[in-house]
Amino acid sequence: MSDIEDVFGGSAEETKPEPDAQSKTSVVTEHTEEVIPGETEKMVTETIDEDGDVVEETTEVTRKTVKRTMKITETSATTKTTTLTTPAKLYGKDLSEYDDVDVESLLAQLSPEEITILAKEVDPDDNFLPPDQRNSYECTKEATGPLNRKQLIEHINKQAIETPDQPEFEPFVQGKVRGKKWVPPPRDARDIEAEEQIAIDMGEEYEHALNDATQEEIIDLAAILGFHSMMNQDQYHASLLNKGQPVGLGWDGITKSTQQKLFPMDPPNNTDVEESIKRVKDDDSKLIDLNLNNIKNISDEKLEQLFAALPQNEHLEVLSLTNVGLTDKTALLLAAAIEKSKTLRVLNVETNFISPPVIVKLVQALLKCHTIEEFRASNQRSAVLGNKIEMEITDLVEKNSSLLRLGLHLEFNDARHRVAAHLQRNIDRIRVKRLNQRK
């Protein structure tokens, strides 16, 4: 037996070079071995031979130590790898040979006719090119002048009239079926039997009443039951208003469109703005309703004068400023004016340029003015107020005990329901108060 102990002076590591990176490679340059004699041991073993006698055997074991030394030198090397790519091909042909070709020189050798033919085969995806240069259609006619739409329509109509109709191979004969007539497929006998078996027993009285009913009475009954598809609009409204059915509009009558009613245009507002401002300043007792709607040329200075005179006026009850160009600047002055107003009951500032935060200021000013019962401010610069603005308006309305009508478009259901419920409570409170005063 021998026991060998290996002693390494270093570690050898095998690495694989990575592409395009520096790597270190270990190389063994010297390998030596040294044997050192050791101690000798005697081992005695007892065995039994074939005759049955015990025999002692002595074995001498000499232990040796072998030292191995390896010197490793490390050298650095750089490995470069080249990635091979598949060359571009078109219809199986290699295009790499055309990489160094000058396209401009090739185009310079072409004639104008050849360039035109090449342009028709290529569709440039360039939005900066005009449409007439991006398609293959070319109009060879010279321009006859600017576009005249009226003459173009007249020319098209003239061409359509003068162009003869294509002759028909078979002349038209009234009542004669040309081609194959469509015949619906026969229905299944089981479906017909099922429909015949369905019968509604309404009783003798109802059946007798329906059998003897006239056409007008059946139309009235259909209108009451809500069968809108069985009648036209004129029949439905005539039944609800009990006007009698129009002549010739029965079940088999022709549905005709109802002629719209023409209403005259509203006359322009001829109110003198300067005179109205003067009357408001003088507190004219006859000026109760001031309507400045749809007057576009009211300057901010005139509006400021009007709003400055409102707190001292004690007779004006209705102020309408619809579509007069109110901005946030003048609307804030109006909010400060209505806080001090004593007689104003109705304020209308619809269809202007008021922002949602300033609308909140106007609603907030209503809390200090306990006389305003109706306030309208819809259709402003911002169509949507937003959840935050609507909740602020709702909280302010719920604190107002004198407001009865509010003209604002609220988008959220919670705000609409809360405002409607509070306004209804205010109306009920005032009605009860009036009844108690009468008693």
Foldseek 3Di string as FASTA:
>chain_A
DEDEDEDEPDDADADDDDAQDKDKHKDWDDKDKDKAWADKDKDWDWDADPVGDIDIDIDIDTYIYMYMYIDIDMDMDGHHDDDDDDADDDPRHGPPVCPPPDVVVVVVPDDPVVVLVVQQVDQDPDPVDDPVSRHNDDDPDDDPDDDDPVVVVVVVVVCVVPDDDDDDPDDDDPPDDDDDDDDDDDDDPVVVVVVVVDDDPPDPVVVVCVVPDDQLVVLLVCLVVVVDVQADPQSNVCSVVVVTHDPQRTSPRDDDDDDDDDDDDDDDDPDDLVVVLVCLQVQPQPAAADAPAPDAPDDLVSLLSSLVSQLVHQRHAHYAAEPHADELVSLLSNLVSLLNHAHHAEYHHEQYAYALVSVLSNLLSVQSRLRHAEYAYANYPDNANDDVSLVSSLVSLLSRLRHQYYHYDHDDPVSVVSNVVSNVVSVVVVVVVVVVVVD
